[in-house]
Amino acid sequence: MFEEALQSLQTAFSIEPSNEEILFSLGVLYEKKEMFDDAIQYFNKALEIDHEYMEALYEIGFCYENSDRLEEALQTYDKYLELDPNSFTAWYNKGIVLVRAEKYQQSINCFEL
């Protein structure tokens, strides 16, 4: 039901173009279809409205990770961790990216946190 969801969210966006939740939902929709570049665009638009929209930032990191853009994923997870240094899921995901980048000692430090 991707097309129906997309159409519904686009209609909502035309009514409320400054609603970051709609943009976030569009990003999630594209992320679920593994259309990561499109998802990143919507998450970034949500961040333009709310610069501390942590969920959008986290999902951008996830999209970069799944697109094998490991350095960008690490940078994004670092930004997220600046806002929420106690997020065990962000530390875990950063650790996974570091393992994939063969930075094993750094990954161990993340997993310990």
N, C-alpha and C. Protein backbone atom coordinates (compact mmCIF):
# COMPACT_ATOMS: atom_id res chain seq x y z
N MET A 1 0.81 -1.20 0.00
CA MET A 1 0.00 0.00 0.00
C MET A 1 0.86 1.27 0.00
N PHE A 2 2.05 1.12 -0.57
CA PHE A 2 2.98 2.25 -0.62
C PHE A 2 2.36 3.47 -1.31
N GLU A 3 1.78 3.26 -2.47
CA GLU A 3 1.23 4.37 -3.25
C GLU A 3 0.12 5.11 -2.49
N GLU A 4 -0.73 4.34 -1.81
CA GLU A 4 -1.82 4.96 -1.05
C GLU A 4 -1.27 5.79 0.12
N ALA A 5 -0.29 5.23 0.81
CA ALA A 5 0.32 5.96 1.92
C ALA A 5 1.03 7.21 1.42
N LEU A 6 1.75 7.08 0.32
CA LEU A 6 2.45 8.22 -0.27
C LEU A 6 1.47 9.32 -0.65
N GLN A 7 0.39 8.94 -1.31
CA GLN A 7 -0.60 9.93 -1.72
C GLN A 7 -1.23 10.63 -0.52
N SER A 8 -1.54 9.87 0.51
CA SER A 8 -2.12 10.44 1.72
C SER A 8 -1.17 11.44 2.38
N LEU A 9 0.10 11.05 2.50
CA LEU A 9 1.08 11.94 3.13
C LEU A 9 1.35 13.18 2.27
N GLN A 10 1.36 13.02 0.96
CA GLN A 10 1.56 14.17 0.09
C GLN A 10 0.39 15.14 0.19
N THR A 11 -0.81 14.61 0.33
CA THR A 11 -1.98 15.47 0.53
C THR A 11 -1.87 16.22 1.85
N ALA A 12 -1.48 15.51 2.90
CA ALA A 12 -1.30 16.16 4.20
C ALA A 12 -0.22 17.23 4.12
N PHE A 13 0.85 16.95 3.40
CA PHE A 13 1.94 17.91 3.26
C PHE A 13 1.48 19.16 2.51
N SER A 14 0.62 18.98 1.51
CA SER A 14 0.13 20.15 0.76
C SER A 14 -0.73 21.05 1.66
N ILE A 15 -1.34 20.47 2.67
CA ILE A 15 -2.15 21.24 3.62
C ILE A 15 -1.26 21.89 4.68
N GLU A 16 -0.25 21.16 5.14
CA GLU A 16 0.64 21.63 6.20
C GLU A 16 2.10 21.47 5.78
N PRO A 17 2.61 22.35 4.92
CA PRO A 17 3.97 22.17 4.40
C PRO A 17 5.09 22.39 5.43
N SER A 18 4.77 22.92 6.58
CA SER A 18 5.81 23.12 7.59
C SER A 18 5.69 22.11 8.74
N ASN A 19 5.00 21.02 8.48
CA ASN A 19 4.82 19.98 9.50
C ASN A 19 5.94 18.95 9.37
N GLU A 20 6.88 19.00 10.31
CA GLU A 20 8.03 18.09 10.24
C GLU A 20 7.64 16.64 10.44
N GLU A 21 6.52 16.37 11.12
CA GLU A 21 6.07 14.98 11.32
C GLU A 21 5.65 14.34 10.00
N ILE A 22 5.04 15.12 9.13
CA ILE A 22 4.65 14.60 7.82
C ILE A 22 5.90 14.27 7.01
N LEU A 23 6.87 15.18 7.03
CA LEU A 23 8.13 14.93 6.31
C LEU A 23 8.84 13.70 6.86
N PHE A 24 8.84 13.57 8.19
CA PHE A 24 9.44 12.40 8.82
C PHE A 24 8.74 11.13 8.35
N SER A 25 7.42 11.16 8.32
CA SER A 25 6.65 9.98 7.89
C SER A 25 6.93 9.63 6.44
N LEU A 26 7.09 10.65 5.60
CA LEU A 26 7.47 10.39 4.21
C LEU A 26 8.85 9.74 4.15
N GLY A 27 9.75 10.20 4.98
CA GLY A 27 11.07 9.59 5.04
C GLY A 27 11.00 8.13 5.45
N VAL A 28 10.21 7.85 6.47
CA VAL A 28 10.06 6.47 6.94
C VAL A 28 9.46 5.60 5.84
N LEU A 29 8.50 6.14 5.13
CA LEU A 29 7.87 5.40 4.04
C LEU A 29 8.90 4.98 2.99
N TYR A 30 9.74 5.92 2.59
CA TYR A 30 10.77 5.60 1.60
C TYR A 30 11.84 4.70 2.20
N GLU A 31 12.15 4.86 3.46
CA GLU A 31 13.13 4.01 4.12
C GLU A 31 12.67 2.55 4.11
N LYS A 32 11.38 2.33 4.38
CA LYS A 32 10.84 0.96 4.38
C LYS A 32 10.93 0.31 3.01
N LYS A 33 10.90 1.12 1.96
CA LYS A 33 11.04 0.60 0.59
C LYS A 33 12.51 0.53 0.17
N GLU A 34 13.41 0.81 1.11
CA GLU A 34 14.85 0.81 0.88
C GLU A 34 15.26 1.81 -0.20
N MET A 35 14.53 2.90 -0.25
CA MET A 35 14.84 4.02 -1.13
C MET A 35 15.52 5.08 -0.25
N PHE A 36 16.75 4.77 0.13
CA PHE A 36 17.41 5.53 1.19
C PHE A 36 17.72 6.97 0.82
N ASP A 37 18.10 7.24 -0.41
CA ASP A 37 18.39 8.62 -0.80
C ASP A 37 17.15 9.49 -0.70
N ASP A 38 16.00 8.97 -1.13
CA ASP A 38 14.75 9.71 -1.01
C ASP A 38 14.39 9.92 0.46
N ALA A 39 14.58 8.88 1.26
CA ALA A 39 14.28 8.99 2.69
C ALA A 39 15.14 10.06 3.33
N ILE A 40 16.43 10.07 3.02
CA ILE A 40 17.35 11.07 3.59
C ILE A 40 16.89 12.48 3.25
N GLN A 41 16.42 12.68 2.04
CA GLN A 41 15.95 14.01 1.64
C GLN A 41 14.79 14.47 2.53
N TYR A 42 13.85 13.58 2.79
CA TYR A 42 12.71 13.96 3.64
C TYR A 42 13.13 14.17 5.09
N PHE A 43 14.01 13.32 5.58
CA PHE A 43 14.49 13.51 6.95
C PHE A 43 15.24 14.83 7.08
N ASN A 44 16.02 15.17 6.08
CA ASN A 44 16.73 16.47 6.11
C ASN A 44 15.77 17.65 6.07
N LYS A 45 14.70 17.52 5.31
CA LYS A 45 13.69 18.59 5.28
C LYS A 45 13.02 18.75 6.64
N ALA A 46 12.79 17.62 7.32
CA ALA A 46 12.23 17.69 8.67
C ALA A 46 13.21 18.39 9.61
N LEU A 47 14.50 18.13 9.44
CA LEU A 47 15.52 18.78 10.26
C LEU A 47 15.65 20.26 9.96
N GLU A 48 15.35 20.66 8.74
CA GLU A 48 15.38 22.09 8.41
C GLU A 48 14.32 22.84 9.22
N ILE A 49 13.20 22.19 9.48
CA ILE A 49 12.12 22.80 10.26
C ILE A 49 12.44 22.75 11.75
N ASP A 50 12.91 21.60 12.21
CA ASP A 50 13.26 21.41 13.62
C ASP A 50 14.69 20.88 13.67
N HIS A 51 15.63 21.76 13.97
CA HIS A 51 17.06 21.43 13.92
C HIS A 51 17.47 20.37 14.93
N GLU A 52 16.65 20.11 15.91
CA GLU A 52 16.96 19.10 16.92
C GLU A 52 15.99 17.93 16.87
N TYR A 53 15.47 17.65 15.69
CA TYR A 53 14.55 16.53 15.51
C TYR A 53 15.37 15.25 15.53
N MET A 54 15.54 14.73 16.73
CA MET A 54 16.46 13.63 16.95
C MET A 54 16.09 12.38 16.18
N GLU A 55 14.81 12.08 16.07
CA GLU A 55 14.39 10.87 15.37
C GLU A 55 14.79 10.93 13.90
N ALA A 56 14.66 12.11 13.29
CA ALA A 56 15.05 12.27 11.88
C ALA A 56 16.56 12.08 11.73
N LEU A 57 17.31 12.64 12.65
CA LEU A 57 18.76 12.50 12.62
C LEU A 57 19.17 11.04 12.74
N TYR A 58 18.54 10.33 13.65
CA TYR A 58 18.83 8.91 13.85
C TYR A 58 18.55 8.11 12.57
N GLU A 59 17.42 8.38 11.94
CA GLU A 59 17.05 7.66 10.73
C GLU A 59 17.98 7.98 9.57
N ILE A 60 18.49 9.19 9.53
CA ILE A 60 19.48 9.53 8.49
C ILE A 60 20.71 8.65 8.67
N GLY A 61 21.16 8.51 9.91
CA GLY A 61 22.30 7.63 10.18
C GLY A 61 22.02 6.21 9.73
N PHE A 62 20.82 5.74 10.02
CA PHE A 62 20.42 4.38 9.62
C PHE A 62 20.43 4.24 8.10
N CYS A 63 19.92 5.26 7.39
CA CYS A 63 19.90 5.21 5.92
C CYS A 63 21.31 5.22 5.35
N TYR A 64 22.18 6.05 5.90
CA TYR A 64 23.57 6.05 5.44
C TYR A 64 24.21 4.68 5.68
N GLU A 65 23.96 4.13 6.86
CA GLU A 65 24.52 2.82 7.20
C GLU A 65 24.07 1.77 6.18
N ASN A 66 22.80 1.76 5.85
CA ASN A 66 22.26 0.77 4.92
C ASN A 66 22.60 1.05 3.47
N SER A 67 23.14 2.23 3.20
CA SER A 67 23.61 2.58 1.86
C SER A 67 25.12 2.41 1.74
N ASP A 68 25.72 1.82 2.77
CA ASP A 68 27.18 1.63 2.82
C ASP A 68 27.94 2.94 2.76
N ARG A 69 27.34 3.99 3.26
CA ARG A 69 28.01 5.28 3.37
C ARG A 69 28.43 5.43 4.83
N LEU A 70 29.44 4.65 5.19
CA LEU A 70 29.78 4.45 6.59
C LEU A 70 30.29 5.72 7.26
N GLU A 71 31.11 6.50 6.58
CA GLU A 71 31.64 7.72 7.20
C GLU A 71 30.51 8.71 7.49
N GLU A 72 29.58 8.83 6.56
CA GLU A 72 28.44 9.72 6.78
C GLU A 72 27.55 9.20 7.91
N ALA A 73 27.42 7.88 8.00
CA ALA A 73 26.65 7.29 9.10
C ALA A 73 27.30 7.63 10.43
N LEU A 74 28.62 7.48 10.51
CA LEU A 74 29.32 7.79 11.76
C LEU A 74 29.15 9.26 12.15
N GLN A 75 29.28 10.14 11.19
CA GLN A 75 29.12 11.57 11.47
C GLN A 75 27.71 11.87 11.97
N THR A 76 26.73 11.22 11.37
CA THR A 76 25.34 11.47 11.77
C THR A 76 25.07 10.91 13.16
N TYR A 77 25.55 9.69 13.44
CA TYR A 77 25.37 9.14 14.78
C TYR A 77 26.09 10.00 15.82
N ASP A 78 27.23 10.56 15.47
CA ASP A 78 27.93 11.46 16.40
C ASP A 78 27.08 12.70 16.70
N LYS A 79 26.46 13.27 15.68
CA LYS A 79 25.57 14.42 15.90
C LYS A 79 24.42 14.04 16.82
N TYR A 80 23.87 12.86 16.57
CA TYR A 80 22.77 12.37 17.41
C TYR A 80 23.23 12.22 18.85
N LEU A 81 24.40 11.65 19.03
CA LEU A 81 24.90 11.40 20.39
C LEU A 81 25.27 12.69 21.11
N GLU A 82 25.53 13.76 20.37
CA GLU A 82 25.71 15.07 21.00
C GLU A 82 24.41 15.52 21.67
N LEU A 83 23.28 15.19 21.05
CA LEU A 83 21.98 15.57 21.60
C LEU A 83 21.51 14.60 22.68
N ASP A 84 21.86 13.33 22.51
CA ASP A 84 21.43 12.30 23.47
C ASP A 84 22.59 11.34 23.74
N PRO A 85 23.52 11.74 24.62
CA PRO A 85 24.71 10.91 24.86
C PRO A 85 24.40 9.59 25.57
N ASN A 86 23.20 9.40 26.06
CA ASN A 86 22.84 8.18 26.77
C ASN A 86 22.03 7.20 25.93
N SER A 87 21.95 7.42 24.63
CA SER A 87 21.16 6.56 23.76
C SER A 87 21.92 5.27 23.48
N PHE A 88 21.49 4.19 24.12
CA PHE A 88 22.18 2.92 23.91
C PHE A 88 22.02 2.42 22.47
N THR A 89 20.90 2.74 21.83
CA THR A 89 20.71 2.28 20.45
C THR A 89 21.65 3.02 19.50
N ALA A 90 21.87 4.30 19.73
CA ALA A 90 22.79 5.05 18.87
C ALA A 90 24.23 4.57 19.07
N TRP A 91 24.60 4.30 20.32
CA TRP A 91 25.95 3.76 20.58
C TRP A 91 26.11 2.40 19.91
N TYR A 92 25.08 1.58 19.99
CA TYR A 92 25.12 0.26 19.37
C TYR A 92 25.27 0.38 17.85
N ASN A 93 24.42 1.22 17.24
CA ASN A 93 24.49 1.37 15.78
C ASN A 93 25.83 1.94 15.34
N LYS A 94 26.35 2.90 16.12
CA LYS A 94 27.67 3.44 15.79
C LYS A 94 28.72 2.33 15.88
N GLY A 95 28.61 1.48 16.90
CA GLY A 95 29.53 0.35 17.03
C GLY A 95 29.47 -0.59 15.85
N ILE A 96 28.28 -0.86 15.37
CA ILE A 96 28.11 -1.73 14.19
C ILE A 96 28.79 -1.11 12.97
N VAL A 97 28.59 0.18 12.78
CA VAL A 97 29.22 0.86 11.64
C VAL A 97 30.74 0.80 11.78
N LEU A 98 31.25 0.99 12.98
CA LEU A 98 32.69 0.92 13.19
C LEU A 98 33.24 -0.48 12.92
N VAL A 99 32.49 -1.52 13.27
CA VAL A 99 32.90 -2.89 12.93
C VAL A 99 32.98 -3.04 11.42
N ARG A 100 31.97 -2.55 10.74
CA ARG A 100 31.97 -2.65 9.27
C ARG A 100 33.13 -1.87 8.65
N ALA A 101 33.56 -0.79 9.34
CA ALA A 101 34.68 0.01 8.86
C ALA A 101 36.02 -0.53 9.37
N GLU A 102 35.96 -1.67 10.05
CA GLU A 102 37.14 -2.35 10.60
C GLU A 102 37.89 -1.49 11.63
N LYS A 103 37.14 -0.72 12.39
CA LYS A 103 37.70 0.08 13.49
C LYS A 103 37.25 -0.58 14.79
N TYR A 104 37.89 -1.70 15.06
CA TYR A 104 37.41 -2.60 16.10
C TYR A 104 37.54 -2.03 17.51
N GLN A 105 38.64 -1.39 17.84
CA GLN A 105 38.79 -0.85 19.20
C GLN A 105 37.74 0.22 19.48
N GLN A 106 37.51 1.08 18.51
CA GLN A 106 36.49 2.11 18.68
C GLN A 106 35.11 1.48 18.83
N SER A 107 34.87 0.41 18.09
CA SER A 107 33.56 -0.24 18.19
C SER A 107 33.36 -0.85 19.57
N ILE A 108 34.42 -1.44 20.13
CA ILE A 108 34.32 -2.01 21.48
C ILE A 108 33.94 -0.92 22.48
N ASN A 109 34.56 0.24 22.34
CA ASN A 109 34.22 1.36 23.24
C ASN A 109 32.75 1.73 23.13
N CYS A 110 32.22 1.74 21.92
CA CYS A 110 30.80 2.05 21.73
C CYS A 110 29.92 0.99 22.38
N PHE A 111 30.27 -0.27 22.18
CA PHE A 111 29.46 -1.34 22.74
C PHE A 111 29.49 -1.31 24.26
N GLU A 112 30.61 -0.92 24.84
CA GLU A 112 30.67 -0.84 26.30
C GLU A 112 29.76 0.25 26.83
N LEU A 113 29.60 1.32 26.06
CA LEU A 113 28.71 2.40 26.49
C LEU A 113 27.25 1.97 26.36
